[in-house]
């Protein structure tokens, strides 16, 4: 009985941590006159979905003079390392 109670308490305590897992999106953006393109990675808030990432990234990029072309994917921290080199200076910039 004590073990079941301890297990249920630990499960309840770990649930909020899992719900707050970091979420990231990789995206493509452009600037006109002259045409410039970039690939980047940005941290986004929940929910961790492409539509939510699109909604969050559009104003961030627009403020810096970029137009969001598309969100490629959303992922957790496990996908960061493999995208860092490709994103270059746009890794976690916006």
N, C-alpha and C. Protein backbone atom coordinates (compact mmCIF):
# COMPACT_ATOMS: atom_id res chain seq x y z
N UNK A 1 0.82 -1.20 0.00
CA UNK A 1 0.00 0.00 0.00
C UNK A 1 0.87 1.26 0.00
N UNK A 2 1.92 1.27 0.85
CA UNK A 2 2.79 2.44 0.90
C UNK A 2 3.49 2.65 -0.44
N UNK A 3 3.90 1.54 -1.07
CA UNK A 3 4.60 1.65 -2.35
C UNK A 3 3.68 2.25 -3.42
N UNK A 4 2.43 1.84 -3.41
CA UNK A 4 1.48 2.37 -4.39
C UNK A 4 1.25 3.86 -4.17
N UNK A 5 1.17 4.27 -2.92
CA UNK A 5 0.98 5.68 -2.60
C UNK A 5 2.19 6.50 -3.03
N UNK A 6 3.38 6.01 -2.73
CA UNK A 6 4.60 6.71 -3.11
C UNK A 6 4.69 6.82 -4.63
N UNK A 7 4.38 5.74 -5.32
CA UNK A 7 4.43 5.74 -6.78
C UNK A 7 3.44 6.75 -7.37
N UNK A 8 2.24 6.81 -6.81
CA UNK A 8 1.25 7.75 -7.34
C UNK A 8 1.65 9.20 -7.07
N UNK A 9 2.28 9.46 -5.93
CA UNK A 9 2.74 10.82 -5.62
C UNK A 9 3.86 11.21 -6.58
N UNK A 10 4.81 10.31 -6.82
CA UNK A 10 5.91 10.60 -7.74
C UNK A 10 5.40 10.83 -9.16
N UNK A 11 4.44 10.06 -9.57
CA UNK A 11 3.85 10.24 -10.90
C UNK A 11 3.16 11.59 -11.01
N UNK A 12 2.43 11.97 -9.98
CA UNK A 12 1.74 13.26 -10.00
C UNK A 12 2.72 14.43 -10.02
N UNK A 13 3.82 14.29 -9.32
CA UNK A 13 4.82 15.36 -9.29
C UNK A 13 5.58 15.48 -10.59
N UNK A 14 5.78 14.38 -11.29
CA UNK A 14 6.54 14.43 -12.54
C UNK A 14 5.68 14.87 -13.72
N UNK A 15 4.38 14.81 -13.63
CA UNK A 15 3.51 15.20 -14.73
C UNK A 15 3.68 16.66 -15.15
N UNK A 16 3.73 17.62 -14.21
CA UNK A 16 3.94 19.00 -14.65
C UNK A 16 5.28 19.22 -15.34
N UNK A 17 6.31 18.51 -14.93
CA UNK A 17 7.61 18.65 -15.58
C UNK A 17 7.55 18.16 -17.02
N UNK A 18 6.85 17.08 -17.26
CA UNK A 18 6.72 16.56 -18.62
C UNK A 18 5.91 17.52 -19.49
N UNK A 19 4.91 18.15 -18.89
CA UNK A 19 4.07 19.08 -19.65
C UNK A 19 4.83 20.35 -20.01
N UNK A 20 5.90 20.65 -19.29
CA UNK A 20 6.67 21.86 -19.55
C UNK A 20 7.94 21.58 -20.35
N UNK A 21 7.97 20.47 -21.05
CA UNK A 21 9.15 20.14 -21.86
C UNK A 21 9.36 21.23 -22.91
N UNK A 22 10.61 21.52 -23.17
CA UNK A 22 10.94 22.56 -24.15
C UNK A 22 10.49 22.14 -25.55
N UNK A 23 10.05 23.11 -26.31
CA UNK A 23 9.60 22.86 -27.67
C UNK A 23 10.33 23.80 -28.61
N UNK A 24 10.74 23.27 -29.75
CA UNK A 24 11.50 24.03 -30.73
C UNK A 24 10.90 23.82 -32.11
N UNK A 25 11.14 24.78 -32.98
CA UNK A 25 10.68 24.67 -34.37
C UNK A 25 11.83 25.04 -35.29
N UNK A 26 11.95 24.32 -36.39
CA UNK A 26 12.88 24.77 -37.43
C UNK A 26 12.03 25.32 -38.57
N UNK A 27 12.56 26.37 -39.19
CA UNK A 27 11.77 27.14 -40.15
C UNK A 27 12.66 27.68 -41.26
N UNK A 28 12.00 28.19 -42.30
CA UNK A 28 12.68 28.87 -43.41
C UNK A 28 12.08 30.27 -43.51
N UNK A 29 12.94 31.26 -43.75
CA UNK A 29 12.50 32.64 -43.85
C UNK A 29 13.25 33.35 -44.98
N UNK A 30 12.70 34.50 -45.40
CA UNK A 30 13.34 35.25 -46.49
C UNK A 30 13.28 36.75 -46.21
N UNK A 31 14.16 37.47 -46.89
CA UNK A 31 14.12 38.93 -46.98
C UNK A 31 14.16 39.26 -48.47
N UNK A 32 13.49 40.33 -48.84
CA UNK A 32 13.50 40.78 -50.24
C UNK A 32 14.43 41.98 -50.39
N UNK A 33 14.85 42.20 -51.63
CA UNK A 33 15.62 43.38 -52.07
C UNK A 33 16.87 43.64 -51.25
N UNK A 34 17.89 42.90 -51.37
CA UNK A 34 18.07 41.73 -52.22
C UNK A 34 17.51 40.48 -51.52
N UNK A 35 17.21 39.49 -52.34
CA UNK A 35 16.67 38.25 -51.81
C UNK A 35 17.71 37.56 -50.94
N UNK A 36 17.30 37.25 -49.71
CA UNK A 36 18.15 36.49 -48.78
C UNK A 36 17.26 35.43 -48.13
N UNK A 37 17.78 34.25 -47.98
CA UNK A 37 17.06 33.14 -47.36
C UNK A 37 17.83 32.67 -46.14
N UNK A 38 17.09 32.17 -45.15
CA UNK A 38 17.78 31.53 -44.03
C UNK A 38 16.93 30.41 -43.44
N UNK A 39 17.65 29.46 -42.85
CA UNK A 39 17.06 28.36 -42.10
C UNK A 39 17.39 28.63 -40.65
N UNK A 40 16.43 28.47 -39.77
CA UNK A 40 16.69 28.73 -38.36
C UNK A 40 15.96 27.78 -37.44
N UNK A 41 16.34 27.85 -36.18
CA UNK A 41 15.72 27.07 -35.12
C UNK A 41 15.34 28.05 -34.02
N UNK A 42 14.12 27.94 -33.50
CA UNK A 42 13.65 28.84 -32.45
C UNK A 42 12.90 28.05 -31.39
N UNK A 43 12.98 28.53 -30.16
CA UNK A 43 12.19 27.92 -29.10
C UNK A 43 10.79 28.53 -29.15
N UNK A 44 9.78 27.69 -28.97
CA UNK A 44 8.40 28.18 -28.97
C UNK A 44 7.70 27.71 -27.71
N UNK A 45 6.58 28.35 -27.42
CA UNK A 45 5.76 27.98 -26.27
C UNK A 45 4.80 26.87 -26.66
N UNK A 46 4.22 26.23 -25.66
CA UNK A 46 3.20 25.22 -25.91
C UNK A 46 1.99 25.88 -26.55
N UNK A 47 1.20 25.19 -27.34
CA UNK A 47 1.35 23.79 -27.72
C UNK A 47 2.45 23.62 -28.77
N UNK A 48 3.05 22.48 -28.75
CA UNK A 48 4.17 22.18 -29.64
C UNK A 48 3.63 21.65 -30.97
N UNK A 49 3.07 22.57 -31.76
CA UNK A 49 2.48 22.20 -33.05
C UNK A 49 2.97 23.17 -34.13
N UNK A 50 2.89 22.75 -35.36
CA UNK A 50 3.31 23.61 -36.48
C UNK A 50 2.45 24.88 -36.53
N UNK A 51 1.11 24.80 -36.40
CA UNK A 51 0.32 26.04 -36.43
C UNK A 51 0.70 27.01 -35.30
N UNK A 52 0.95 26.50 -34.10
CA UNK A 52 1.35 27.36 -32.99
C UNK A 52 2.71 27.98 -33.25
N UNK A 53 3.63 27.21 -33.79
CA UNK A 53 4.96 27.73 -34.12
C UNK A 53 4.86 28.81 -35.18
N UNK A 54 4.03 28.60 -36.18
CA UNK A 54 3.83 29.59 -37.24
C UNK A 54 3.32 30.90 -36.64
N UNK A 55 2.33 30.79 -35.79
CA UNK A 55 1.73 31.98 -35.17
C UNK A 55 2.75 32.74 -34.30
N UNK A 56 3.62 32.02 -33.62
CA UNK A 56 4.61 32.67 -32.75
C UNK A 56 5.80 33.24 -33.54
N UNK A 57 6.22 32.53 -34.58
CA UNK A 57 7.41 32.95 -35.31
C UNK A 57 7.16 34.11 -36.27
N UNK A 58 5.97 34.20 -36.86
CA UNK A 58 5.71 35.28 -37.82
C UNK A 58 6.02 36.66 -37.26
N UNK A 59 5.49 37.04 -36.09
CA UNK A 59 5.80 38.39 -35.59
C UNK A 59 7.26 38.56 -35.16
N UNK A 60 7.87 37.53 -34.62
CA UNK A 60 9.28 37.63 -34.22
C UNK A 60 10.17 37.92 -35.42
N UNK A 61 9.95 37.16 -36.48
CA UNK A 61 10.77 37.33 -37.68
C UNK A 61 10.46 38.65 -38.38
N UNK A 62 9.18 39.00 -38.43
CA UNK A 62 8.76 40.23 -39.10
C UNK A 62 9.40 41.45 -38.42
N UNK A 63 9.53 41.41 -37.12
CA UNK A 63 10.15 42.50 -36.37
C UNK A 63 11.60 42.71 -36.80
N UNK A 64 12.26 41.63 -37.23
CA UNK A 64 13.65 41.71 -37.67
C UNK A 64 13.77 41.86 -39.19
N UNK A 65 12.63 42.05 -39.88
CA UNK A 65 12.66 42.26 -41.32
C UNK A 65 12.62 41.00 -42.15
N UNK A 66 12.26 39.88 -41.54
CA UNK A 66 12.18 38.60 -42.26
C UNK A 66 10.72 38.20 -42.46
N UNK A 67 10.46 37.44 -43.50
CA UNK A 67 9.14 36.86 -43.76
C UNK A 67 9.24 35.36 -43.58
N UNK A 68 8.40 34.81 -42.73
CA UNK A 68 8.39 33.36 -42.52
C UNK A 68 7.85 32.68 -43.77
N UNK A 69 8.61 31.75 -44.32
CA UNK A 69 8.14 30.98 -45.47
C UNK A 69 7.37 29.76 -45.00
N UNK A 70 7.96 28.99 -44.10
CA UNK A 70 7.26 27.84 -43.54
C UNK A 70 7.98 27.30 -42.31
N UNK A 71 7.20 26.63 -41.48
CA UNK A 71 7.75 25.90 -40.34
C UNK A 71 7.97 24.48 -40.84
N UNK A 72 9.20 24.02 -40.76
CA UNK A 72 9.55 22.69 -41.27
C UNK A 72 9.03 21.61 -40.33
N UNK A 73 9.30 21.77 -39.03
CA UNK A 73 8.86 20.78 -38.04
C UNK A 73 8.97 21.36 -36.64
N UNK A 74 8.35 20.67 -35.70
CA UNK A 74 8.50 21.00 -34.28
C UNK A 74 9.09 19.77 -33.59
N UNK A 75 9.87 20.00 -32.54
CA UNK A 75 10.57 18.90 -31.89
C UNK A 75 10.98 19.32 -30.48
N UNK A 76 11.46 18.35 -29.69
CA UNK A 76 11.94 18.67 -28.35
C UNK A 76 13.45 18.84 -28.35
N UNK A 77 14.04 18.96 -27.17
CA UNK A 77 15.49 19.23 -27.09
C UNK A 77 16.35 18.13 -27.71
N UNK A 78 15.79 16.96 -27.91
CA UNK A 78 16.56 15.87 -28.53
C UNK A 78 16.93 16.17 -29.98
N UNK A 79 16.22 17.07 -30.62
CA UNK A 79 16.50 17.39 -32.01
C UNK A 79 17.39 18.61 -32.21
N UNK A 80 17.80 19.25 -31.13
CA UNK A 80 18.58 20.48 -31.25
C UNK A 80 19.96 20.27 -31.85
N UNK A 81 20.71 19.32 -31.32
CA UNK A 81 22.11 19.14 -31.73
C UNK A 81 22.26 18.90 -33.23
N UNK A 82 21.37 18.10 -33.79
CA UNK A 82 21.49 17.77 -35.21
C UNK A 82 21.15 18.94 -36.13
N UNK A 83 20.49 19.98 -35.60
CA UNK A 83 20.11 21.13 -36.42
C UNK A 83 21.00 22.36 -36.20
N UNK A 84 21.83 22.32 -35.18
CA UNK A 84 22.62 23.50 -34.80
C UNK A 84 23.53 23.99 -35.93
N UNK A 85 24.26 23.10 -36.53
CA UNK A 85 25.20 23.50 -37.59
C UNK A 85 24.45 24.08 -38.80
N UNK A 86 23.35 23.45 -39.18
CA UNK A 86 22.58 23.93 -40.33
C UNK A 86 21.98 25.31 -40.09
N UNK A 87 21.57 25.58 -38.87
CA UNK A 87 20.95 26.87 -38.55
C UNK A 87 21.98 27.99 -38.42
N UNK A 88 23.20 27.65 -38.12
CA UNK A 88 24.27 28.65 -38.02
C UNK A 88 23.91 29.80 -37.10
N UNK A 89 24.02 31.05 -37.59
CA UNK A 89 23.74 32.21 -36.73
C UNK A 89 22.26 32.37 -36.38
N UNK A 90 21.40 31.59 -37.02
CA UNK A 90 19.96 31.67 -36.74
C UNK A 90 19.51 30.56 -35.79
N UNK A 91 20.45 29.95 -35.10
CA UNK A 91 20.13 28.91 -34.11
C UNK A 91 19.71 29.60 -32.81
N UNK A 92 18.45 29.45 -32.46
CA UNK A 92 17.85 30.03 -31.25
C UNK A 92 17.99 31.56 -31.22
N UNK A 93 18.00 32.19 -32.36
CA UNK A 93 18.11 33.65 -32.44
C UNK A 93 16.76 34.34 -32.28
N UNK A 94 15.71 33.78 -32.85
CA UNK A 94 14.40 34.43 -32.81
C UNK A 94 13.42 33.69 -31.94
